[in-house]
Amino acid sequence: MTHNSRPGAHGGGWGGAPQWGARPPQAPQPGVIPLRPLSLGDIITGSFATIRGHWKALAGVALAVQAVVLSVMALVVGIAAVSVRSHFAPAFHPPFGEDPAPEHVVPLVVAAVVVFALLMAVGVLGMAVIAALCPAVLKEAVMGRPTTFRALWRASVRRAPAVAGAMFLSALIAGSPVFAVLAVWLPLVLSAGPGEGSLALLGLLPLLVLAAAPPAVWLGIRFGLAPAVVVMEGAGPVTALRRSTGLVRGEWWRIFGYTVVCVMLAGAVAYATQIPFNLVGSFAMMPALQGIPEHGTLSTGAVASLVLAFVLLFLGGAAGQVFQIGFSHLASAMLYVDQRIRREGLAEAILTDLAADPAPPAPAGPASSGPHRPDGDARS
């Protein structure tokens, strides 16, 4: 026999298998993640790559949301304060020996309740816009397509009410075990009255809440992909909850573990982000604090240093909070994409879309994209 029988003499190696050291073919990666089932490292690196590649648009939308939310909140508080200002003095400084009259107390209570409800609604809508922003940018980042502030703003604001509805329903259902515990515990405490029985019930509350925590966490993870479904597929809140349930089924523990790691990582980075602002703010506050004992009043420079300190502390807190919320929702959207790749062949659908409608490369950094066509039509 004249052929060479040494292993590896042929291109395929023994039996046509790849030669030693040959790498298996890599999954295509048009954007920030490879189009294959994702590991925890893929989700984390893909989330950071999305932020790095689209930080201008992300930061622009987040700052715009913060500006709108704070302005609306200030307007609500200002209108409420002006409308009931005539009741402040009679309610808080009644004549000596007299109680405040109900006609002055009731308007203040009503105004406080209304302001609280409006501030909560505005805050939830602002958070919903940021929650919708993350899947919206990921929708382009996965396919390697660039984004703009206008496109992200429009997509986020348009889907924010549905995202807020999904988040509200998810929180309501996930919190139902805790609400059930409180619904049973509160009447028992009120009926027991003061004494050893009420003290025993007070000590029992942490145990009851601890017992209600596992089902609450289970439900929270079960519905955790709903915001991404709302944005990626254009679904309504109830449909998104059902869809999230179907995607999580059979993968609860893996999604729970990935979510915990990503949330902890987001919290650590957010805390590290606040440290420089807090340090500079603390140093800026020192001149004002040192000037109070000497002069009794604050000088113009001390007031300026206080204002600078509070601005820095506010900016640090806002930056940390926005990053923590944004990264968590971005990781959740990554899990949504991962589940669709694993179960529904989303990778092939993305490659088909790219072949049919190629997009120009992003100008810089990892480009952004999304698991669906730009019109949001889901491929199941």
Protein backbone atom coordinates (compact mmCIF):
# COMPACT_ATOMS: atom_id res chain seq x y z
CA MET A 1 0.00 0.00 0.00
CA THR A 2 1.39 3.31 -0.99
CA HIS A 3 -0.89 5.71 0.81
CA ASN A 4 0.30 7.47 3.94
CA SER A 5 -1.46 5.95 6.96
CA ARG A 6 -0.06 8.36 9.56
CA PRO A 7 -2.80 9.95 11.73
CA GLY A 8 -3.55 13.41 10.60
CA ALA A 9 -2.04 12.91 7.16
CA HIS A 10 -5.37 13.67 5.60
CA GLY A 11 -7.00 17.06 6.06
CA GLY A 12 -9.75 15.65 8.25
CA GLY A 13 -7.46 13.76 10.66
CA TRP A 14 -8.47 10.34 12.00
CA GLY A 15 -11.71 9.26 10.47
CA GLY A 16 -12.21 12.68 8.92
CA ALA A 17 -12.45 14.37 12.34
CA PRO A 18 -10.85 17.80 12.84
CA GLN A 19 -7.10 17.78 13.51
CA TRP A 20 -5.74 18.31 16.99
CA GLY A 21 -5.98 21.96 17.96
CA ALA A 22 -8.67 22.70 15.38
CA ARG A 23 -11.48 24.83 16.77
CA PRO A 24 -15.15 24.04 16.16
CA PRO A 25 -16.94 26.54 13.93
CA GLN A 26 -18.03 29.59 15.89
CA ALA A 27 -21.59 30.83 15.92
CA PRO A 28 -22.21 33.94 13.82
CA GLN A 29 -22.13 37.17 15.79
CA PRO A 30 -23.46 40.16 13.87
CA GLY A 31 -23.91 42.18 17.05
CA VAL A 32 -23.11 42.07 20.74
CA ILE A 33 -23.80 38.36 21.34
CA PRO A 34 -23.13 35.15 19.42
CA LEU A 35 -26.27 33.66 17.90
CA ARG A 36 -26.31 30.51 20.01
CA PRO A 37 -27.56 29.58 23.49
CA LEU A 38 -25.96 32.09 25.83
CA SER A 39 -23.87 31.43 28.90
CA LEU A 40 -23.79 33.72 31.92
CA GLY A 41 -20.58 35.27 30.60
CA ASP A 42 -22.23 35.96 27.23
CA ILE A 43 -25.11 37.75 28.94
CA ILE A 44 -22.84 39.90 31.10
CA THR A 45 -20.37 40.79 28.35
CA GLY A 46 -23.21 41.38 25.89
CA SER A 47 -24.93 43.74 28.33
CA PHE A 48 -21.75 45.74 28.88
CA ALA A 49 -21.05 45.75 25.14
CA THR A 50 -24.52 47.15 24.47
CA ILE A 51 -23.97 49.92 27.02
CA ARG A 52 -20.51 50.68 25.66
CA GLY A 53 -21.65 50.76 22.04
CA HIS A 54 -24.79 52.83 22.62
CA TRP A 55 -24.02 54.84 25.72
CA LYS A 56 -24.79 58.18 24.10
CA ALA A 57 -28.33 57.27 23.10
CA LEU A 58 -28.91 55.37 26.34
CA ALA A 59 -27.64 58.22 28.50
CA GLY A 60 -29.57 60.77 26.45
CA VAL A 61 -32.88 58.98 26.90
CA ALA A 62 -32.21 58.28 30.59
CA LEU A 63 -31.34 61.93 31.27
CA ALA A 64 -34.37 63.11 29.34
CA VAL A 65 -36.59 60.79 31.37
CA GLN A 66 -35.08 62.05 34.63
CA ALA A 67 -35.58 65.67 33.56
CA VAL A 68 -39.21 65.11 32.58
CA VAL A 69 -40.00 63.08 35.71
CA LEU A 70 -38.41 65.61 38.09
CA SER A 71 -40.09 68.54 36.32
CA VAL A 72 -43.52 66.91 36.49
CA MET A 73 -43.01 65.97 40.13
CA ALA A 74 -42.00 69.54 41.00
CA LEU A 75 -45.03 70.86 39.12
CA VAL A 76 -47.38 68.50 40.96
CA VAL A 77 -45.95 69.44 44.37
CA GLY A 78 -46.04 73.15 43.50
CA ILE A 79 -49.67 73.08 42.35
CA ALA A 80 -50.70 71.14 45.45
CA ALA A 81 -48.83 73.52 47.77
CA VAL A 82 -50.40 76.60 46.17
CA SER A 83 -53.90 75.11 46.23
CA VAL A 84 -53.85 74.37 50.00
CA ARG A 85 -51.47 77.07 51.23
CA SER A 86 -54.28 78.87 53.06
CA HIS A 87 -54.78 75.80 55.28
CA PHE A 88 -51.15 75.42 56.43
CA ALA A 89 -51.15 78.06 59.17
CA PRO A 90 -54.54 77.12 60.72
CA ALA A 91 -53.66 73.41 60.66
CA PHE A 92 -50.08 73.60 61.99
CA HIS A 93 -50.39 76.70 64.18
CA PRO A 94 -53.93 76.73 65.65
CA PRO A 95 -54.82 79.10 68.49
CA PHE A 96 -53.29 78.15 71.81
CA GLY A 97 -55.20 75.32 73.50
CA GLU A 98 -57.30 74.47 70.44
CA ASP A 99 -57.12 71.57 68.02
CA PRO A 100 -56.85 72.18 64.28
CA ALA A 101 -60.27 72.50 62.67
CA PRO A 102 -61.31 69.65 60.33
CA GLU A 103 -61.98 72.08 57.49
CA HIS A 104 -58.25 72.85 57.49
CA VAL A 105 -56.89 69.35 58.16
CA VAL A 106 -59.00 67.45 55.62
CA PRO A 107 -57.82 69.44 52.55
CA LEU A 108 -54.19 68.89 53.58
CA VAL A 109 -54.73 65.14 53.97
CA VAL A 110 -56.53 64.89 50.63
CA ALA A 111 -53.82 66.92 48.91
CA ALA A 112 -51.10 64.72 50.45
CA VAL A 113 -52.82 61.53 49.26
CA VAL A 114 -53.35 62.90 45.75
CA VAL A 115 -49.75 64.14 45.52
CA PHE A 116 -48.41 60.79 46.73
CA ALA A 117 -50.50 58.89 44.17
CA LEU A 118 -49.46 61.21 41.33
CA LEU A 119 -45.79 61.07 42.28
CA MET A 120 -45.95 57.28 42.39
CA ALA A 121 -47.61 57.16 38.97
CA VAL A 122 -45.05 59.53 37.46
CA GLY A 123 -42.17 57.59 39.01
CA VAL A 124 -43.52 54.25 37.74
CA LEU A 125 -43.96 55.66 34.23
CA GLY A 126 -40.41 57.02 34.29
CA MET A 127 -39.08 53.64 35.39
CA ALA A 128 -41.20 51.97 32.69
CA VAL A 129 -39.61 54.15 30.01
CA ILE A 130 -36.14 53.04 31.15
CA ALA A 131 -37.36 49.43 31.35
CA ALA A 132 -38.62 49.73 27.75
CA LEU A 133 -35.41 51.46 26.65
CA CYS A 134 -33.20 48.45 27.38
CA PRO A 135 -35.02 45.91 25.17
CA ALA A 136 -35.44 48.61 22.52
CA VAL A 137 -31.69 49.15 22.23
CA LEU A 138 -30.96 45.43 22.51
CA LYS A 139 -33.39 44.87 19.66
CA GLU A 140 -30.88 46.59 17.39
CA ALA A 141 -27.70 45.57 19.23
CA VAL A 142 -28.13 41.86 18.61
CA MET A 143 -28.27 42.47 14.85
CA GLY A 144 -25.36 44.91 14.79
CA ARG A 145 -27.42 47.92 13.81
CA PRO A 146 -26.81 51.48 15.01
CA THR A 147 -29.37 53.40 17.03
CA THR A 148 -30.34 57.02 17.46
CA PHE A 149 -31.73 59.02 20.36
CA ARG A 150 -34.94 59.77 18.48
CA ALA A 151 -35.63 56.14 17.59
CA LEU A 152 -34.97 54.91 21.14
CA TRP A 153 -37.01 57.71 22.69
CA ARG A 154 -39.96 57.00 20.41
CA ALA A 155 -39.83 53.24 20.98
CA SER A 156 -39.43 53.60 24.76
CA VAL A 157 -42.20 56.15 25.26
CA ARG A 158 -44.59 54.30 22.97
CA ARG A 159 -44.26 51.02 24.87
CA ALA A 160 -43.87 52.53 28.37
CA PRO A 161 -47.60 52.31 29.34
CA ALA A 162 -47.74 48.62 28.40
CA VAL A 163 -44.44 47.97 30.20
CA ALA A 164 -45.78 49.77 33.27
CA GLY A 165 -48.90 47.62 33.14
CA ALA A 166 -46.84 44.43 32.88
CA MET A 167 -44.58 45.51 35.74
CA PHE A 168 -47.59 46.44 37.91
CA LEU A 169 -49.40 43.15 37.27
CA SER A 170 -46.20 41.18 37.81
CA ALA A 171 -45.51 42.95 41.11
CA LEU A 172 -49.14 42.50 42.19
CA ILE A 173 -49.16 38.78 41.46
CA ALA A 174 -45.65 38.14 42.80
CA GLY A 175 -46.46 40.08 45.97
CA SER A 176 -49.75 38.25 46.54
CA PRO A 177 -48.24 35.77 49.05
CA VAL A 178 -46.96 38.65 51.17
CA PHE A 179 -50.27 40.50 50.81
CA ALA A 180 -52.10 37.35 51.93
CA VAL A 181 -49.89 37.11 55.02
CA LEU A 182 -50.59 40.75 55.91
CA ALA A 183 -54.32 40.30 55.28
CA VAL A 184 -54.39 37.51 57.87
CA TRP A 185 -51.90 39.04 60.31
CA LEU A 186 -53.30 42.58 60.59
CA PRO A 187 -56.81 41.58 61.79
CA LEU A 188 -55.25 39.26 64.37
CA VAL A 189 -53.06 42.07 65.72
CA LEU A 190 -55.95 44.54 65.86
CA SER A 191 -58.23 42.04 67.59
CA ALA A 192 -55.57 40.97 70.11
CA GLY A 193 -55.11 44.46 71.56
CA PRO A 194 -52.20 45.46 73.78
CA GLY A 195 -50.54 42.69 75.74
CA GLU A 196 -48.42 39.60 75.36
CA GLY A 197 -50.60 38.30 72.52
CA SER A 198 -49.90 41.30 70.32
CA LEU A 199 -46.17 41.06 71.08
CA ALA A 200 -46.18 37.40 70.06
CA LEU A 201 -47.95 38.28 66.81
CA LEU A 202 -45.39 41.01 66.13
CA GLY A 203 -42.61 38.48 66.52
CA LEU A 204 -44.47 36.09 64.23
CA LEU A 205 -44.62 38.55 61.32
CA PRO A 206 -40.99 38.11 60.12
CA LEU A 207 -41.45 34.33 60.06
CA LEU A 208 -44.66 34.62 58.05
CA VAL A 209 -43.04 37.01 55.56
CA LEU A 210 -40.05 34.68 55.28
CA ALA A 211 -42.41 31.79 54.52
CA ALA A 212 -44.14 33.89 51.84
CA ALA A 213 -40.85 34.91 50.20
CA PRO A 214 -40.15 31.69 48.17
CA PRO A 215 -43.47 31.73 46.26
CA ALA A 216 -43.08 35.48 45.73
CA VAL A 217 -39.60 35.00 44.24
CA TRP A 218 -40.83 32.09 42.12
CA LEU A 219 -43.61 34.22 40.68
CA GLY A 220 -41.27 37.17 40.15
CA ILE A 221 -38.86 35.11 38.05
CA ARG A 222 -41.77 33.49 36.23
CA PHE A 223 -43.00 36.89 35.01
CA GLY A 224 -39.57 38.55 34.81
CA LEU A 225 -39.34 38.47 31.00
CA ALA A 226 -42.65 40.30 30.50
CA PRO A 227 -41.16 43.81 29.91
CA ALA A 228 -38.90 42.42 27.18
CA VAL A 229 -41.86 40.64 25.59
CA VAL A 230 -43.85 43.90 25.57
CA VAL A 231 -41.10 45.75 23.69
CA MET A 232 -39.75 42.98 21.46
CA GLU A 233 -43.09 41.54 20.38
CA GLY A 234 -45.44 44.50 20.81
CA ALA A 235 -47.58 42.46 23.22
CA GLY A 236 -50.01 43.73 25.83
CA PRO A 237 -49.40 43.33 29.57
CA VAL A 238 -51.49 40.18 30.08
CA THR A 239 -50.15 38.51 26.93
CA ALA A 240 -46.63 39.39 28.00
CA LEU A 241 -47.13 37.70 31.38
CA ARG A 242 -48.36 34.53 29.69
CA ARG A 243 -45.52 34.61 27.18
CA SER A 244 -42.95 35.08 29.94
CA THR A 245 -44.40 32.11 31.79
CA GLY A 246 -44.02 29.95 28.69
CA LEU A 247 -40.43 31.05 28.05
CA VAL A 248 -39.33 30.49 31.66
CA ARG A 249 -41.02 27.09 32.03
CA GLY A 250 -38.43 24.37 32.57
CA GLU A 251 -35.56 26.87 32.93
CA TRP A 252 -36.54 28.58 36.19
CA TRP A 253 -33.41 27.73 38.18
CA ARG A 254 -31.00 28.78 35.46
CA ILE A 255 -32.83 32.07 34.87
CA PHE A 256 -33.03 32.66 38.62
CA GLY A 257 -29.28 32.13 39.03
CA TYR A 258 -28.38 34.35 36.09
CA THR A 259 -30.76 37.05 37.34
CA VAL A 260 -29.31 37.03 40.85
CA VAL A 261 -25.74 37.34 39.54
CA CYS A 262 -26.66 40.17 37.15
CA VAL A 263 -28.60 42.09 39.81
CA MET A 264 -25.71 41.76 42.28
CA LEU A 265 -23.23 42.87 39.62
CA ALA A 266 -25.42 45.85 38.71
CA GLY A 267 -25.63 46.84 42.38
CA ALA A 268 -21.87 46.59 42.83
CA VAL A 269 -21.13 48.70 39.74
CA ALA A 270 -23.80 51.23 40.74
CA TYR A 271 -22.26 51.54 44.20
CA ALA A 272 -18.78 51.96 42.70
CA THR A 273 -20.17 54.64 40.38
CA GLN A 274 -21.45 56.65 43.34
CA ILE A 275 -18.19 56.55 45.31
CA PRO A 276 -16.35 59.34 43.39
CA PHE A 277 -19.40 61.62 43.57
CA ASN A 278 -19.81 60.95 47.29
CA LEU A 279 -16.13 61.59 48.02
CA VAL A 280 -16.00 64.87 46.09
CA GLY A 281 -19.34 65.91 47.57
CA SER A 282 -18.13 65.20 51.10
CA PHE A 283 -14.99 67.28 50.55
CA ALA A 284 -17.09 70.07 49.05
CA MET A 285 -19.30 70.06 52.14
CA MET A 286 -16.43 70.46 54.63
CA PRO A 287 -15.94 74.26 54.28
CA ALA A 288 -19.60 74.89 55.05
CA LEU A 289 -19.59 72.54 58.05
CA GLN A 290 -16.43 74.16 59.42
CA GLY A 291 -17.84 77.68 59.00
CA ILE A 292 -21.03 77.14 61.02
CA PRO A 293 -19.49 77.13 64.54
CA GLU A 294 -17.32 80.17 63.84
CA HIS A 295 -19.80 82.54 62.26
CA GLY A 296 -23.19 81.14 63.17
CA THR A 297 -24.37 81.74 59.61
CA LEU A 298 -23.21 80.46 56.27
CA SER A 299 -21.20 82.64 53.96
CA THR A 300 -21.80 82.80 50.22
CA GLY A 301 -18.88 80.45 49.59
CA ALA A 302 -20.17 77.98 52.17
CA VAL A 303 -23.63 78.03 50.60
CA ALA A 304 -22.06 77.45 47.18
CA SER A 305 -20.06 74.51 48.51
CA LEU A 306 -23.21 73.02 50.05
CA VAL A 307 -25.10 73.37 46.78
CA LEU A 308 -22.19 71.76 44.91
CA ALA A 309 -22.06 68.92 47.43
CA PHE A 310 -25.78 68.17 47.16
CA VAL A 311 -25.65 68.36 43.36
CA LEU A 312 -22.77 65.87 43.28
CA LEU A 313 -24.50 63.53 45.71
CA PHE A 314 -27.69 63.72 43.65
CA LEU A 315 -25.85 63.09 40.38
CA GLY A 316 -24.01 60.12 41.87
CA GLY A 317 -27.19 58.62 43.23
CA ALA A 318 -29.08 59.20 39.98
CA ALA A 319 -26.27 57.71 37.86
CA GLY A 320 -26.00 54.66 40.10
CA GLN A 321 -29.74 54.10 40.17
CA VAL A 322 -30.14 54.47 36.40
CA PHE A 323 -27.27 52.04 35.76
CA GLN A 324 -28.60 49.49 38.24
CA ILE A 325 -32.12 49.57 36.80
CA GLY A 326 -30.90 49.69 33.20
CA PHE A 327 -28.35 46.89 33.49
CA SER A 328 -30.85 44.63 35.27
CA HIS A 329 -33.47 45.14 32.56
CA LEU A 330 -30.84 44.74 29.85
CA ALA A 331 -29.77 41.40 31.33
CA SER A 332 -33.43 40.36 31.52
CA ALA A 333 -33.85 41.21 27.83
CA MET A 334 -30.72 39.14 27.12
CA LEU A 335 -32.37 36.19 28.89
CA TYR A 336 -35.45 36.68 26.72
CA VAL A 337 -33.30 36.52 23.57
CA ASP A 338 -31.48 33.47 24.95
CA GLN A 339 -34.73 31.61 25.61
CA ARG A 340 -36.01 32.34 22.12
CA ILE A 341 -32.73 31.15 20.61
CA ARG A 342 -32.95 27.93 22.61
CA ARG A 343 -36.63 27.22 21.98
CA GLU A 344 -37.79 28.98 18.84
CA GLY A 345 -34.85 29.15 16.46
CA LEU A 346 -34.49 32.90 16.80
CA ALA A 347 -30.86 32.79 15.61
CA GLU A 348 -31.94 31.51 12.20
CA ALA A 349 -34.69 34.13 12.01
CA ILE A 350 -32.17 36.90 12.77
CA LEU A 351 -29.75 35.67 10.12
CA THR A 352 -32.60 35.48 7.61
CA ASP A 353 -33.60 39.05 8.43
CA LEU A 354 -30.03 40.24 8.05
CA ALA A 355 -29.65 38.47 4.71
CA ALA A 356 -32.90 39.99 3.44
CA ASP A 357 -32.28 43.48 4.82
CA PRO A 358 -28.58 44.11 5.49
CA ALA A 359 -27.80 47.20 7.54
CA PRO A 360 -24.72 49.42 7.45
CA PRO A 361 -22.22 48.76 10.22
CA ALA A 362 -22.41 50.81 13.39
CA PRO A 363 -20.06 53.81 13.45
CA ALA A 364 -18.13 52.73 16.54
CA GLY A 365 -18.11 50.10 19.24
CA PRO A 366 -20.30 47.02 19.41
CA ALA A 367 -23.40 47.71 17.44
CA SER A 368 -26.87 47.24 18.75
CA SER A 369 -29.66 45.19 17.51
CA GLY A 370 -32.63 43.19 18.37
CA PRO A 371 -34.24 39.84 18.11
CA HIS A 372 -36.97 40.97 15.74
CA ARG A 373 -37.60 43.07 12.74
CA PRO A 374 -37.72 46.81 13.39
CA ASP A 375 -41.52 46.72 13.28
CA GLY A 376 -41.52 44.55 16.42
CA ASP A 377 -43.28 41.60 14.79
CA ALA A 378 -42.26 38.51 16.73
CA ARG A 379 -41.16 35.37 15.00
CA SER A 380 -42.30 32.41 17.02
